[in-house]
């Protein structure tokens, strides 16, 4: 084997490694600026808020929705699933014109807490999302 063969082999291997890394799928966890695109606004929301930054590089969104709490939260659960979220119901309540629900969910590595409730035809929905599940996923309710 010629003396340059080992050097050429090392160079070829390095080129393959670098080339495969450059063509790699960039499916890394989303950043806080990517998170709003993963979270749908509830149907009937009166405004789409600017996300607040919360602990663990998360975001918080607060919506006011014209609609009965059970209907709004059931529709929101469907909208989350349509956006690719796997949703778990933590609690639901209802009766006497009021109620609500709290869901958690994952979308790839992202984690979310979706909490909504109200009375009559007004429902408040708080959404918190993180690029990955934090140790303590606290989603504090927004101002009413």
N, C-alpha and C. Protein backbone atom coordinates (compact mmCIF):
# COMPACT_ATOMS: atom_id res chain seq x y z
N UNK A 1 0.85 -1.16 0.00
CA UNK A 1 0.00 0.00 0.00
C UNK A 1 0.91 1.23 0.00
N UNK A 2 0.62 2.22 -0.86
CA UNK A 2 1.45 3.42 -0.90
C UNK A 2 1.36 4.17 0.42
N UNK A 3 2.41 4.94 0.72
CA UNK A 3 2.48 5.68 1.98
C UNK A 3 1.36 6.69 2.13
N UNK A 4 0.80 7.21 1.06
CA UNK A 4 -0.27 8.22 1.15
C UNK A 4 -1.64 7.60 1.35
N UNK A 5 -1.75 6.29 1.19
CA UNK A 5 -3.05 5.63 1.32
C UNK A 5 -3.68 5.84 2.69
N UNK A 6 -2.96 5.66 3.82
CA UNK A 6 -3.60 5.88 5.12
C UNK A 6 -4.09 7.32 5.29
N UNK A 7 -3.33 8.28 4.83
CA UNK A 7 -3.76 9.68 4.94
C UNK A 7 -5.00 9.93 4.11
N UNK A 8 -5.06 9.35 2.92
CA UNK A 8 -6.24 9.51 2.07
C UNK A 8 -7.47 8.85 2.70
N UNK A 9 -7.27 7.69 3.33
CA UNK A 9 -8.38 6.99 3.98
C UNK A 9 -8.92 7.83 5.14
N UNK A 10 -8.05 8.42 5.94
CA UNK A 10 -8.47 9.27 7.06
C UNK A 10 -9.24 10.47 6.53
N UNK A 11 -8.73 11.08 5.47
CA UNK A 11 -9.41 12.24 4.87
C UNK A 11 -10.78 11.84 4.34
N UNK A 12 -10.90 10.68 3.72
CA UNK A 12 -12.18 10.22 3.18
C UNK A 12 -13.18 9.97 4.30
N UNK A 13 -12.72 9.34 5.38
CA UNK A 13 -13.60 9.08 6.52
C UNK A 13 -14.06 10.39 7.13
N UNK A 14 -13.16 11.35 7.30
CA UNK A 14 -13.52 12.65 7.86
C UNK A 14 -14.55 13.34 6.99
N UNK A 15 -14.40 13.25 5.67
CA UNK A 15 -15.34 13.87 4.75
C UNK A 15 -16.72 13.24 4.88
N UNK A 16 -16.78 11.92 5.01
CA UNK A 16 -18.07 11.22 5.17
C UNK A 16 -18.74 11.63 6.48
N UNK A 17 -17.97 11.68 7.56
CA UNK A 17 -18.52 12.05 8.86
C UNK A 17 -19.05 13.48 8.85
N UNK A 18 -18.26 14.41 8.35
CA UNK A 18 -18.69 15.80 8.29
C UNK A 18 -19.89 15.95 7.37
N UNK A 19 -19.84 15.29 6.22
CA UNK A 19 -20.95 15.37 5.26
C UNK A 19 -22.24 14.82 5.82
N UNK A 20 -22.18 13.72 6.56
CA UNK A 20 -23.40 13.15 7.12
C UNK A 20 -23.94 14.01 8.25
N UNK A 21 -23.08 14.67 9.01
CA UNK A 21 -23.53 15.55 10.07
C UNK A 21 -24.20 16.79 9.50
N UNK A 22 -23.67 17.29 8.38
CA UNK A 22 -24.26 18.49 7.77
C UNK A 22 -25.62 18.18 7.18
N UNK A 23 -25.85 16.96 6.69
CA UNK A 23 -27.12 16.60 6.10
C UNK A 23 -28.10 16.03 7.09
N UNK A 24 -27.75 16.06 8.35
CA UNK A 24 -28.57 15.46 9.40
C UNK A 24 -29.88 16.22 9.56
N UNK A 25 -30.94 15.49 9.86
CA UNK A 25 -32.25 16.10 10.13
C UNK A 25 -32.15 16.94 11.39
N UNK A 26 -32.57 18.17 11.31
CA UNK A 26 -32.48 19.07 12.47
C UNK A 26 -33.79 19.05 13.25
N UNK A 27 -34.12 17.90 13.82
CA UNK A 27 -35.36 17.77 14.57
C UNK A 27 -35.10 17.97 16.06
N UNK A 28 -34.31 18.97 16.37
CA UNK A 28 -34.01 19.28 17.77
C UNK A 28 -35.25 19.85 18.44
N UNK A 29 -35.22 19.87 19.76
CA UNK A 29 -36.34 20.42 20.52
C UNK A 29 -36.56 21.88 20.12
N UNK A 30 -37.83 22.30 20.11
CA UNK A 30 -38.11 23.69 19.77
C UNK A 30 -37.58 24.64 20.84
N UNK A 31 -37.31 25.86 20.41
CA UNK A 31 -36.90 26.90 21.34
C UNK A 31 -38.15 27.64 21.80
N UNK A 32 -38.06 28.47 22.85
CA UNK A 32 -39.24 29.23 23.28
C UNK A 32 -39.88 30.05 22.16
N UNK A 33 -39.08 30.51 21.20
CA UNK A 33 -39.67 31.28 20.11
C UNK A 33 -40.43 30.39 19.13
N UNK A 34 -40.15 29.08 19.11
CA UNK A 34 -40.86 28.14 18.25
C UNK A 34 -42.18 27.66 18.87
N UNK A 35 -42.28 27.72 20.18
CA UNK A 35 -43.42 27.13 20.89
C UNK A 35 -44.78 27.70 20.49
N UNK A 36 -44.94 29.02 20.28
CA UNK A 36 -46.28 29.52 19.92
C UNK A 36 -46.86 28.86 18.67
N UNK A 37 -46.03 28.48 17.73
CA UNK A 37 -46.52 27.83 16.52
C UNK A 37 -47.09 26.44 16.80
N UNK A 38 -46.69 25.83 17.90
CA UNK A 38 -47.20 24.50 18.25
C UNK A 38 -48.54 24.54 18.95
N UNK A 39 -48.91 25.72 19.47
CA UNK A 39 -50.09 25.83 20.32
C UNK A 39 -51.20 26.58 19.59
N UNK A 40 -52.34 25.93 19.35
CA UNK A 40 -53.43 26.63 18.68
C UNK A 40 -54.13 27.60 19.62
N UNK A 41 -54.68 28.67 19.07
CA UNK A 41 -55.55 29.55 19.84
C UNK A 41 -56.91 28.87 19.92
N UNK A 42 -57.60 28.98 21.05
CA UNK A 42 -58.93 28.39 21.13
C UNK A 42 -59.89 29.08 20.15
N UNK A 43 -60.78 28.31 19.57
CA UNK A 43 -61.80 28.88 18.68
C UNK A 43 -62.64 29.87 19.47
N UNK A 44 -62.90 31.02 18.90
CA UNK A 44 -63.72 32.03 19.57
C UNK A 44 -62.96 32.93 20.51
N UNK A 45 -61.61 32.81 20.55
CA UNK A 45 -60.81 33.67 21.43
C UNK A 45 -60.97 35.12 20.98
N UNK A 46 -61.09 36.02 21.94
CA UNK A 46 -61.30 37.43 21.62
C UNK A 46 -60.02 38.11 21.16
N UNK A 47 -58.86 37.55 21.47
CA UNK A 47 -57.58 38.12 21.03
C UNK A 47 -56.51 37.04 21.10
N UNK A 48 -55.48 37.20 20.29
CA UNK A 48 -54.33 36.31 20.36
C UNK A 48 -53.22 37.06 21.06
N UNK A 49 -52.88 36.63 22.27
CA UNK A 49 -51.90 37.38 23.06
C UNK A 49 -50.47 37.12 22.63
N UNK A 50 -49.60 38.00 23.06
CA UNK A 50 -48.17 37.78 22.94
C UNK A 50 -47.75 36.88 24.09
N UNK A 51 -46.98 35.83 23.83
CA UNK A 51 -46.61 34.92 24.93
C UNK A 51 -45.73 35.59 25.97
N UNK A 52 -46.00 35.28 27.23
CA UNK A 52 -45.13 35.68 28.34
C UNK A 52 -44.11 34.59 28.54
N UNK A 53 -42.89 34.96 28.89
CA UNK A 53 -41.85 33.99 29.21
C UNK A 53 -42.04 33.53 30.65
N UNK A 54 -41.95 32.22 30.87
CA UNK A 54 -42.07 31.67 32.22
C UNK A 54 -40.84 30.81 32.52
N UNK A 55 -40.79 30.28 33.72
CA UNK A 55 -39.64 29.48 34.17
C UNK A 55 -39.35 28.32 33.21
N UNK A 56 -38.12 27.89 33.22
CA UNK A 56 -37.66 26.74 32.44
C UNK A 56 -37.81 26.96 30.93
N UNK A 57 -37.65 28.22 30.49
CA UNK A 57 -37.72 28.56 29.07
C UNK A 57 -39.07 28.23 28.44
N UNK A 58 -40.13 28.39 29.22
CA UNK A 58 -41.46 28.14 28.72
C UNK A 58 -42.17 29.42 28.31
N UNK A 59 -43.37 29.24 27.79
CA UNK A 59 -44.23 30.37 27.44
C UNK A 59 -45.59 30.20 28.09
N UNK A 60 -46.26 31.33 28.34
CA UNK A 60 -47.61 31.34 28.89
C UNK A 60 -48.47 32.23 28.00
N UNK A 61 -49.63 31.70 27.62
CA UNK A 61 -50.62 32.45 26.85
C UNK A 61 -51.93 32.42 27.63
N UNK A 62 -52.65 33.53 27.59
CA UNK A 62 -53.93 33.62 28.29
C UNK A 62 -54.98 34.12 27.31
N UNK A 63 -56.08 33.37 27.22
CA UNK A 63 -57.16 33.71 26.30
C UNK A 63 -58.48 33.90 27.04
N UNK A 64 -59.31 34.78 26.54
CA UNK A 64 -60.71 34.85 26.94
C UNK A 64 -61.51 34.41 25.72
N UNK A 65 -62.44 33.48 25.95
CA UNK A 65 -63.18 32.88 24.85
C UNK A 65 -64.68 33.07 25.09
N UNK A 66 -65.39 33.43 24.04
CA UNK A 66 -66.84 33.51 24.11
C UNK A 66 -67.41 32.12 23.85
N UNK A 67 -67.85 31.47 24.92
CA UNK A 67 -68.40 30.13 24.81
C UNK A 67 -68.48 29.46 26.16
N UNK A 68 -69.37 28.48 26.26
CA UNK A 68 -69.55 27.74 27.51
C UNK A 68 -68.29 26.93 27.81
N UNK A 69 -67.88 26.87 29.07
CA UNK A 69 -66.61 26.21 29.43
C UNK A 69 -66.45 24.78 28.90
N UNK A 70 -67.46 23.94 29.07
CA UNK A 70 -67.32 22.55 28.62
C UNK A 70 -67.14 22.49 27.11
N UNK A 71 -67.92 23.29 26.37
CA UNK A 71 -67.82 23.29 24.91
C UNK A 71 -66.46 23.81 24.46
N UNK A 72 -66.00 24.90 25.08
CA UNK A 72 -64.71 25.50 24.71
C UNK A 72 -63.59 24.52 24.95
N UNK A 73 -63.57 23.89 26.11
CA UNK A 73 -62.46 22.99 26.44
C UNK A 73 -62.49 21.71 25.63
N UNK A 74 -63.68 21.19 25.32
CA UNK A 74 -63.76 20.01 24.45
C UNK A 74 -63.24 20.34 23.05
N UNK A 75 -63.63 21.51 22.54
CA UNK A 75 -63.15 21.93 21.22
C UNK A 75 -61.64 22.17 21.24
N UNK A 76 -61.15 22.73 22.34
CA UNK A 76 -59.72 23.01 22.43
C UNK A 76 -58.91 21.71 22.48
N UNK A 77 -59.43 20.73 23.17
CA UNK A 77 -58.75 19.43 23.22
C UNK A 77 -58.64 18.86 21.80
N UNK A 78 -59.68 18.97 21.02
CA UNK A 78 -59.63 18.51 19.63
C UNK A 78 -58.63 19.31 18.80
N UNK A 79 -58.60 20.64 19.01
CA UNK A 79 -57.65 21.49 18.27
C UNK A 79 -56.21 21.13 18.62
N UNK A 80 -55.95 20.82 19.88
CA UNK A 80 -54.60 20.39 20.28
C UNK A 80 -54.22 19.10 19.56
N UNK A 81 -55.13 18.15 19.53
CA UNK A 81 -54.85 16.88 18.85
C UNK A 81 -54.60 17.11 17.36
N UNK A 82 -55.37 18.03 16.76
CA UNK A 82 -55.18 18.34 15.34
C UNK A 82 -53.80 18.95 15.07
N UNK A 83 -53.21 19.62 16.08
CA UNK A 83 -51.88 20.22 15.96
C UNK A 83 -50.77 19.23 16.32
N UNK A 84 -51.13 17.98 16.60
CA UNK A 84 -50.13 16.96 16.88
C UNK A 84 -49.87 16.67 18.35
N UNK A 85 -50.67 17.25 19.24
CA UNK A 85 -50.48 17.00 20.67
C UNK A 85 -51.14 15.69 21.07
N UNK A 86 -50.48 14.95 21.93
CA UNK A 86 -51.06 13.80 22.61
C UNK A 86 -51.55 14.35 23.95
N UNK A 87 -52.86 14.31 24.16
CA UNK A 87 -53.47 15.02 25.29
C UNK A 87 -53.98 14.04 26.34
N UNK A 88 -53.71 14.38 27.61
CA UNK A 88 -54.22 13.63 28.76
C UNK A 88 -55.11 14.56 29.57
N UNK A 89 -56.30 14.09 29.91
CA UNK A 89 -57.20 14.87 30.74
C UNK A 89 -56.83 14.66 32.20
N UNK A 90 -56.57 15.77 32.91
CA UNK A 90 -56.24 15.70 34.33
C UNK A 90 -57.51 15.81 35.15
N UNK A 91 -58.37 16.79 34.80
CA UNK A 91 -59.61 16.98 35.54
C UNK A 91 -60.61 17.72 34.66
N UNK A 92 -61.88 17.40 34.83
CA UNK A 92 -62.96 18.16 34.22
C UNK A 92 -63.99 18.44 35.30
N UNK A 93 -64.72 19.54 35.11
CA UNK A 93 -65.79 19.86 36.05
C UNK A 93 -66.89 20.57 35.28
N UNK A 94 -68.07 20.55 35.84
CA UNK A 94 -69.18 21.22 35.17
C UNK A 94 -70.41 21.20 36.04
N UNK A 95 -71.40 21.94 35.57
CA UNK A 95 -72.67 22.00 36.28
C UNK A 95 -73.03 23.42 36.64
N UNK A 96 -74.30 23.71 36.61
CA UNK A 96 -74.78 25.02 37.01
C UNK A 96 -74.30 26.15 36.12
N UNK A 97 -73.95 25.85 34.87
CA UNK A 97 -73.50 26.88 33.95
C UNK A 97 -72.02 27.15 33.96
N UNK A 98 -71.28 26.50 34.86
CA UNK A 98 -69.84 26.71 34.94
C UNK A 98 -69.10 25.42 34.71
N UNK A 99 -67.78 25.50 34.76
CA UNK A 99 -66.98 24.30 34.63
C UNK A 99 -65.65 24.58 33.96
N UNK A 100 -65.01 23.50 33.55
CA UNK A 100 -63.73 23.64 32.88
C UNK A 100 -63.00 22.32 32.81
N UNK A 101 -61.73 22.41 32.44
CA UNK A 101 -60.90 21.22 32.32
C UNK A 101 -59.44 21.62 32.37
N UNK A 102 -58.61 20.67 32.78
CA UNK A 102 -57.16 20.82 32.72
C UNK A 102 -56.61 19.61 31.98
N UNK A 103 -55.78 19.91 30.98
CA UNK A 103 -55.13 18.88 30.18
C UNK A 103 -53.62 19.07 30.27
N UNK A 104 -52.90 17.98 30.10
CA UNK A 104 -51.47 18.05 29.84
C UNK A 104 -51.25 17.38 28.49
N UNK A 105 -50.11 17.66 27.89
CA UNK A 105 -49.87 17.04 26.60
C UNK A 105 -48.42 17.10 26.19
N UNK A 106 -48.11 16.28 25.20
CA UNK A 106 -46.80 16.28 24.59
C UNK A 106 -46.96 16.41 23.08
N UNK A 107 -45.96 17.06 22.49
CA UNK A 107 -45.89 17.20 21.04
C UNK A 107 -44.42 17.06 20.70
N UNK A 108 -44.01 15.85 20.35
CA UNK A 108 -42.58 15.56 20.25
C UNK A 108 -41.99 15.66 21.63
N UNK A 109 -40.92 16.43 21.80
CA UNK A 109 -40.32 16.65 23.11
C UNK A 109 -41.04 17.73 23.91
N UNK A 110 -41.86 18.52 23.25
CA UNK A 110 -42.53 19.65 23.92
C UNK A 110 -43.57 19.15 24.89
N UNK A 111 -43.79 19.94 25.94
CA UNK A 111 -44.75 19.59 26.98
C UNK A 111 -45.65 20.80 27.23
N UNK A 112 -46.93 20.54 27.47
CA UNK A 112 -47.85 21.64 27.71
C UNK A 112 -48.84 21.35 28.81
N UNK A 113 -49.32 22.43 29.45
CA UNK A 113 -50.41 22.39 30.41
C UNK A 113 -51.47 23.35 29.88
N UNK A 114 -52.70 22.87 29.79
CA UNK A 114 -53.79 23.62 29.19
C UNK A 114 -54.94 23.63 30.19
N UNK A 115 -55.23 24.80 30.75
CA UNK A 115 -56.19 24.92 31.85
C UNK A 115 -57.26 25.94 31.47
N UNK A 116 -58.51 25.53 31.55
CA UNK A 116 -59.56 26.47 31.20
C UNK A 116 -60.80 26.28 32.04
N UNK A 117 -61.52 27.37 32.23
CA UNK A 117 -62.77 27.30 32.97
C UNK A 117 -63.47 28.64 32.96
N UNK A 118 -64.70 28.61 33.42
CA UNK A 118 -65.46 29.85 33.45
C UNK A 118 -66.90 29.59 33.83
N UNK A 119 -67.74 30.55 33.45
CA UNK A 119 -69.15 30.47 33.81
C UNK A 119 -69.96 31.10 32.68
N UNK A 120 -71.12 30.51 32.41
CA UNK A 120 -72.00 31.06 31.37
C UNK A 120 -71.33 30.97 30.01
N UNK A 121 -71.21 32.11 29.36
CA UNK A 121 -70.63 32.12 28.02
C UNK A 121 -69.23 32.74 27.98
N UNK A 122 -68.56 32.74 29.13
CA UNK A 122 -67.18 33.25 29.20
C UNK A 122 -66.27 32.17 29.76
N UNK A 123 -65.23 31.86 29.00
CA UNK A 123 -64.25 30.86 29.42
C UNK A 123 -62.86 31.47 29.31
N UNK A 124 -62.05 31.23 30.31
CA UNK A 124 -60.66 31.67 30.32
C UNK A 124 -59.78 30.45 30.12
N UNK A 125 -58.83 30.55 29.22
CA UNK A 125 -57.94 29.44 28.92
C UNK A 125 -56.49 29.91 29.12
N UNK A 126 -55.76 29.19 29.96
CA UNK A 126 -54.34 29.44 30.18
C UNK A 126 -53.55 28.29 29.56
N UNK A 127 -52.55 28.66 28.79
CA UNK A 127 -51.72 27.69 28.08
C UNK A 127 -50.27 27.93 28.46
N UNK A 128 -49.59 26.88 28.89
CA UNK A 128 -48.15 26.95 29.15
C UNK A 128 -47.49 25.83 28.35
N UNK A 129 -46.38 26.16 27.70
CA UNK A 129 -45.67 25.17 26.90
C UNK A 129 -44.17 25.33 27.11
N UNK A 130 -43.50 24.20 27.07
CA UNK A 130 -42.05 24.16 27.24
C UNK A 130 -41.46 23.27 26.14
N UNK A 131 -40.20 23.51 25.80
CA UNK A 131 -39.51 22.69 24.80
C UNK A 131 -39.37 21.24 25.28
N UNK A 132 -39.27 21.06 26.60
CA UNK A 132 -39.25 19.73 27.20
C UNK A 132 -39.90 19.85 28.58
N UNK A 133 -40.35 18.74 29.12
CA UNK A 133 -41.09 18.78 30.38
C UNK A 133 -40.18 19.27 31.52
N UNK A 134 -40.60 20.35 32.19
CA UNK A 134 -39.82 20.83 33.33
C UNK A 134 -40.08 19.96 34.56
N UNK A 135 -39.22 20.09 35.57
CA UNK A 135 -39.42 19.33 36.80
C UNK A 135 -40.75 19.68 37.48
N UNK A 136 -41.11 20.96 37.43
CA UNK A 136 -42.36 21.43 38.04
C UNK A 136 -43.12 22.28 37.02
N UNK A 137 -43.95 21.64 36.21
CA UNK A 137 -44.67 22.38 35.16
C UNK A 137 -45.85 23.17 35.71
N UNK A 138 -45.55 24.34 36.27
CA UNK A 138 -46.57 25.19 36.88
C UNK A 138 -47.10 26.18 35.85
N UNK A 139 -48.40 26.15 35.62
CA UNK A 139 -49.03 27.06 34.67
C UNK A 139 -49.98 27.97 35.45
N UNK A 140 -49.46 29.10 35.91
CA UNK A 140 -50.22 30.05 36.69
C UNK A 140 -51.26 30.73 35.83
N UNK A 141 -52.44 30.93 36.38
CA UNK A 141 -53.52 31.57 35.64
C UNK A 141 -53.23 33.05 35.42
N UNK A 142 -53.62 33.52 34.25
CA UNK A 142 -53.44 34.92 33.90
C UNK A 142 -54.48 35.81 34.57
N UNK A 143 -54.28 37.10 34.44
CA UNK A 143 -55.21 38.07 35.01
C UNK A 143 -56.58 37.93 34.37
N UNK A 144 -57.60 38.05 35.13
CA UNK A 144 -58.97 37.91 34.62
C UNK A 144 -59.57 39.26 34.42
